[in-house]
């Protein structure tokens, strides 16, 4: 296992920043992973020669999700604010972020993937927001998914907690394509459709196409974070669901 939760390097004459989740097989989106991703993106954002970012992963799974332990009341405020800072940086990022995912892409993992611009997945990948099953909800996904796939599909995934495969993700617009080799597809997209352009003009194109959505997402993140921390986490069932998951026991819902 890598000493760092994230690998980072440049390719394509420095035009492409490669980021790779490097804590297989789960690639948990914990505080260390969030901080590493945020730092790597912050360091690259002002590079005038940068034309894109590709985020992928070691191992068979993109991510099992966020750290459930860090969702407990004593740590969840710090964890959520870190994740939401990262999501805000991603939706505001000046050049396209491409994401390639295989295997499980769940919970906080899907939130990170959905914060990118283009998503390439394996046909048999599993994508979902299972948080409701353990008594909480997905704050970032509640802001990201309606913008990306519309209210009907977003509410289905957020209310049910069900997972969908890569083919369905592509059909509903969550993913750009379901392909056998998502990393190769993302690299091909970069080489054919992004690298030939002026990096300066590409930044204006990203701002024009994505700027309004980014503003809405960031505004909603603050509201939903407050709902989570001040509302949800004051309930019995939220803490019960999290602790039951950690303790590997049945939940005792009291509906309060």
Protein backbone atom coordinates (compact mmCIF):
# COMPACT_ATOMS: atom_id res chain seq x y z
CA UNK A 1 0.00 0.00 0.00
CA UNK A 2 1.25 3.48 -0.83
CA UNK A 3 2.47 5.69 2.04
CA UNK A 4 0.29 8.50 0.69
CA UNK A 5 -3.45 8.16 0.14
CA UNK A 6 -3.02 9.87 -3.24
CA UNK A 7 -0.58 9.58 -6.14
CA UNK A 8 -0.03 12.72 -8.22
CA UNK A 9 1.97 13.30 -11.39
CA UNK A 10 1.94 15.17 -14.72
CA UNK A 11 1.60 13.77 -18.23
CA UNK A 12 1.17 15.09 -21.77
CA UNK A 13 3.93 17.72 -21.49
CA UNK A 14 2.46 18.93 -18.22
CA UNK A 15 -0.99 19.55 -19.69
CA UNK A 16 -2.65 16.74 -17.72
CA UNK A 17 -2.60 16.36 -13.95
CA UNK A 18 -3.01 12.72 -12.92
CA UNK A 19 -4.49 12.01 -9.49
CA UNK A 20 -4.94 8.44 -8.27
CA UNK A 21 -6.66 7.26 -5.09
CA UNK A 22 -4.00 4.99 -3.59
CA UNK A 23 -5.46 3.20 -0.59
CA UNK A 24 -6.97 0.06 -2.15
CA UNK A 25 -9.08 -1.86 -1.99
CA UNK A 26 -11.53 0.48 -0.27
CA UNK A 27 -9.97 3.87 -1.15
CA UNK A 28 -11.97 5.38 1.73
CA UNK A 29 -12.66 9.09 1.36
CA UNK A 30 -11.40 10.00 4.82
CA UNK A 31 -9.86 13.20 6.15
CA UNK A 32 -6.40 12.29 4.83
CA UNK A 33 -7.67 11.51 1.34
CA UNK A 34 -9.80 14.67 1.25
CA UNK A 35 -6.85 16.82 2.34
CA UNK A 36 -4.52 15.26 -0.24
CA UNK A 37 -6.99 15.77 -3.09
CA UNK A 38 -7.73 19.34 -2.06
CA UNK A 39 -4.04 20.22 -1.78
CA UNK A 40 -3.19 18.71 -5.17
CA UNK A 41 -5.97 20.59 -6.92
CA UNK A 42 -5.20 23.85 -5.12
CA UNK A 43 -1.56 23.64 -6.18
CA UNK A 44 -2.43 23.08 -9.85
CA UNK A 45 -5.35 25.43 -10.37
CA UNK A 46 -3.34 28.48 -11.38
CA UNK A 47 -1.07 26.64 -13.86
CA UNK A 48 -1.75 28.37 -17.17
CA UNK A 49 -0.59 25.34 -19.18
CA UNK A 50 -2.95 22.89 -17.50
CA UNK A 51 -5.73 21.57 -19.76
CA UNK A 52 -7.26 18.86 -17.60
CA UNK A 53 -7.18 16.54 -14.61
CA UNK A 54 -7.74 12.78 -14.59
CA UNK A 55 -8.77 11.22 -11.28
CA UNK A 56 -8.72 7.42 -11.12
CA UNK A 57 -7.79 4.74 -8.60
CA UNK A 58 -5.58 1.85 -7.60
CA UNK A 59 -7.26 -1.50 -7.05
CA UNK A 60 -10.58 -2.87 -8.26
CA UNK A 61 -12.79 -0.19 -6.67
CA UNK A 62 -12.93 3.59 -7.00
CA UNK A 63 -14.12 3.97 -3.41
CA UNK A 64 -16.33 2.24 -0.88
CA UNK A 65 -17.26 5.72 0.39
CA UNK A 66 -16.47 8.07 3.23
CA UNK A 67 -15.27 6.98 6.65
CA UNK A 68 -18.36 6.01 8.69
CA UNK A 69 -16.40 6.56 11.90
CA UNK A 70 -15.74 10.16 10.88
CA UNK A 71 -19.51 10.67 10.48
CA UNK A 72 -20.08 10.22 14.23
CA UNK A 73 -21.22 13.39 16.08
CA UNK A 74 -17.83 14.17 17.61
CA UNK A 75 -16.03 14.30 14.24
CA UNK A 76 -18.64 14.84 11.53
CA UNK A 77 -18.46 18.65 11.45
CA UNK A 78 -14.75 18.68 10.61
CA UNK A 79 -15.14 15.83 8.10
CA UNK A 80 -18.10 17.42 6.31
CA UNK A 81 -16.48 20.84 6.04
CA UNK A 82 -13.35 19.30 4.59
CA UNK A 83 -15.31 17.29 2.04
CA UNK A 84 -17.44 20.26 1.09
CA UNK A 85 -14.36 22.45 0.65
CA UNK A 86 -13.02 19.80 -1.74
CA UNK A 87 -16.32 19.56 -3.63
CA UNK A 88 -16.43 23.35 -3.92
CA UNK A 89 -12.90 23.39 -5.30
CA UNK A 90 -13.76 20.67 -7.82
CA UNK A 91 -16.93 22.29 -9.16
CA UNK A 92 -15.04 25.60 -9.38
CA UNK A 93 -11.96 24.06 -10.99
CA UNK A 94 -10.91 26.09 -14.05
CA UNK A 95 -10.22 23.15 -16.42
CA UNK A 96 -12.15 19.89 -16.89
CA UNK A 97 -11.78 17.17 -14.27
CA UNK A 98 -12.18 13.72 -15.83
CA UNK A 99 -12.93 10.78 -13.53
CA UNK A 100 -12.46 7.07 -14.33
CA UNK A 101 -14.12 4.54 -12.05
CA UNK A 102 -14.40 0.77 -11.81
CA UNK A 103 -15.98 -1.41 -9.15
CA UNK A 104 -17.71 0.29 -6.26
CA UNK A 105 -18.16 4.06 -6.41
CA UNK A 106 -20.38 4.69 -3.42
CA UNK A 107 -21.25 7.33 -0.86
CA UNK A 108 -18.49 9.89 -0.50
CA UNK A 109 -16.72 8.21 -3.40
CA UNK A 110 -19.59 9.01 -5.74
CA UNK A 111 -19.78 12.54 -4.33
CA UNK A 112 -16.14 13.09 -5.31
CA UNK A 113 -16.68 11.48 -8.72
CA UNK A 114 -19.83 13.52 -9.39
CA UNK A 115 -18.01 16.75 -8.49
CA UNK A 116 -15.85 16.27 -11.59
CA UNK A 117 -16.93 17.31 -15.05
CA UNK A 118 -16.78 14.08 -17.08
CA UNK A 119 -17.19 10.57 -15.65
CA UNK A 120 -16.19 7.33 -17.38
CA UNK A 121 -17.23 4.08 -15.69
CA UNK A 122 -17.02 0.35 -16.23
CA UNK A 123 -20.32 -1.23 -17.32
CA UNK A 124 -20.42 -3.35 -14.17
CA UNK A 125 -19.41 -0.55 -11.80
CA UNK A 126 -21.70 0.03 -8.82
CA UNK A 127 -22.67 3.66 -8.17
CA UNK A 128 -24.93 4.85 -5.38
CA UNK A 129 -25.57 6.90 -2.27
CA UNK A 130 -26.39 4.33 0.43
CA UNK A 131 -26.31 6.80 3.33
CA UNK A 132 -30.07 6.67 3.98
CA UNK A 133 -29.73 2.97 4.79
CA UNK A 134 -27.73 3.82 7.88
CA UNK A 135 -29.92 6.70 8.98
CA UNK A 136 -28.19 9.71 7.42
CA UNK A 137 -28.22 11.46 4.05
CA UNK A 138 -25.56 12.51 1.57
CA UNK A 139 -25.14 16.30 1.81
CA UNK A 140 -22.83 16.87 -1.16
CA UNK A 141 -24.74 14.43 -3.38
CA UNK A 142 -27.98 16.21 -2.47
CA UNK A 143 -26.51 19.30 -4.14
CA UNK A 144 -24.53 17.65 -6.96
CA UNK A 145 -26.91 15.02 -8.30
CA UNK A 146 -29.92 17.26 -9.08
CA UNK A 147 -27.60 19.47 -11.14
CA UNK A 148 -26.05 16.51 -12.93
CA UNK A 149 -28.98 14.16 -13.56
CA UNK A 150 -32.11 16.13 -12.69
CA UNK A 151 -34.43 15.90 -9.74
CA UNK A 152 -36.24 12.69 -10.75
CA UNK A 153 -33.13 10.50 -10.99
CA UNK A 154 -31.37 12.27 -8.09
CA UNK A 155 -34.26 11.75 -5.70
CA UNK A 156 -34.50 8.08 -6.68
CA UNK A 157 -30.87 7.47 -5.72
CA UNK A 158 -30.92 9.67 -2.61
CA UNK A 159 -34.19 8.40 -1.15
CA UNK A 160 -33.74 4.70 -1.95
CA UNK A 161 -30.03 4.29 -1.29
CA UNK A 162 -29.94 1.83 -4.19
CA UNK A 163 -26.90 1.33 -6.40
CA UNK A 164 -26.97 1.33 -10.20
CA UNK A 165 -24.52 -0.20 -12.66
CA UNK A 166 -22.37 1.72 -15.09
CA UNK A 167 -24.73 1.15 -18.00
CA UNK A 168 -27.64 2.75 -16.12
CA UNK A 169 -25.37 5.56 -14.92
CA UNK A 170 -24.56 6.37 -18.54
CA UNK A 171 -28.23 6.12 -19.55
CA UNK A 172 -29.38 8.67 -16.97
CA UNK A 173 -26.45 11.03 -17.60
CA UNK A 174 -24.55 10.42 -14.37
CA UNK A 175 -21.66 9.03 -16.43
CA UNK A 176 -20.53 10.13 -19.89
CA UNK A 177 -19.83 6.56 -20.97
CA UNK A 178 -19.77 2.98 -19.69
CA UNK A 179 -16.68 1.35 -21.19
CA UNK A 180 -14.47 -1.64 -20.46
CA UNK A 181 -11.41 0.54 -19.71
CA UNK A 182 -12.55 3.85 -18.18
CA UNK A 183 -9.00 5.17 -17.72
CA UNK A 184 -8.15 4.60 -21.39
CA UNK A 185 -11.43 6.23 -22.45
CA UNK A 186 -10.73 9.28 -20.31
CA UNK A 187 -7.20 9.60 -21.66
CA UNK A 188 -8.47 9.26 -25.21
CA UNK A 189 -11.04 11.99 -24.55
CA UNK A 190 -8.33 14.27 -23.19
CA UNK A 191 -5.99 13.63 -26.12
CA UNK A 192 -8.64 14.13 -28.81
CA UNK A 193 -10.91 16.75 -27.32
CA UNK A 194 -9.01 18.83 -24.73
CA UNK A 195 -5.26 18.79 -25.37
CA UNK A 196 -5.47 20.39 -28.85
CA UNK A 197 -7.23 23.49 -27.51
CA UNK A 198 -5.84 26.70 -26.06
CA UNK A 199 -5.68 26.15 -22.31
CA UNK A 200 -6.61 29.79 -21.81
CA UNK A 201 -9.72 29.56 -23.98
CA UNK A 202 -10.68 26.26 -22.37
CA UNK A 203 -10.82 27.97 -18.99
CA UNK A 204 -13.31 30.51 -20.33
CA UNK A 205 -15.38 27.70 -21.85
CA UNK A 206 -15.49 25.84 -18.51
CA UNK A 207 -16.52 28.99 -16.66
CA UNK A 208 -19.23 29.78 -19.21
CA UNK A 209 -20.71 26.26 -19.21
CA UNK A 210 -20.29 25.32 -15.56
CA UNK A 211 -20.12 28.56 -13.59
CA UNK A 212 -23.82 28.94 -12.78
CA UNK A 213 -24.14 25.31 -11.67
CA UNK A 214 -21.01 25.65 -9.53
CA UNK A 215 -22.50 28.69 -7.78
CA UNK A 216 -25.77 26.89 -7.09
CA UNK A 217 -23.97 23.83 -5.75
CA UNK A 218 -21.77 25.86 -3.40
CA UNK A 219 -24.72 27.89 -2.11
CA UNK A 220 -26.73 24.73 -1.44
CA UNK A 221 -23.77 23.00 0.22
CA UNK A 222 -23.78 25.54 3.04
CA UNK A 223 -27.53 25.11 3.58
CA UNK A 224 -27.46 21.32 3.48
CA UNK A 225 -24.41 21.12 5.74
CA UNK A 226 -26.36 23.07 8.36
CA UNK A 227 -29.36 20.76 7.94
CA UNK A 228 -27.09 17.76 8.48
CA UNK A 229 -25.15 19.07 11.47
CA UNK A 230 -27.89 21.00 13.30
CA UNK A 231 -30.91 18.92 12.34
CA UNK A 232 -30.11 15.33 11.40
CA UNK A 233 -27.30 14.78 13.88
CA UNK A 234 -29.54 15.85 16.77
CA UNK A 235 -31.79 12.84 16.13
CA UNK A 236 -31.62 9.44 17.76
CA UNK A 237 -31.82 7.49 14.52
CA UNK A 238 -28.86 9.16 12.81
CA UNK A 239 -26.46 8.21 15.60
CA UNK A 240 -28.09 4.80 16.02
CA UNK A 241 -27.69 3.97 12.34
CA UNK A 242 -24.04 4.94 12.29
CA UNK A 243 -23.19 3.07 15.48
CA UNK A 244 -25.12 -0.02 14.37
CA UNK A 245 -23.15 -0.07 11.13
CA UNK A 246 -19.83 0.25 12.94
CA UNK A 247 -20.82 -2.37 15.51
CA UNK A 248 -22.20 -4.71 12.81
CA UNK A 249 -25.58 -5.12 14.48
CA UNK A 250 -29.21 -4.54 13.47
CA UNK A 251 -30.51 -0.98 13.78
CA UNK A 252 -33.14 0.00 16.32
CA UNK A 253 -35.03 2.79 14.57
CA UNK A 254 -37.19 4.94 16.87
CA UNK A 255 -38.24 7.36 14.11
CA UNK A 256 -36.99 10.32 16.06
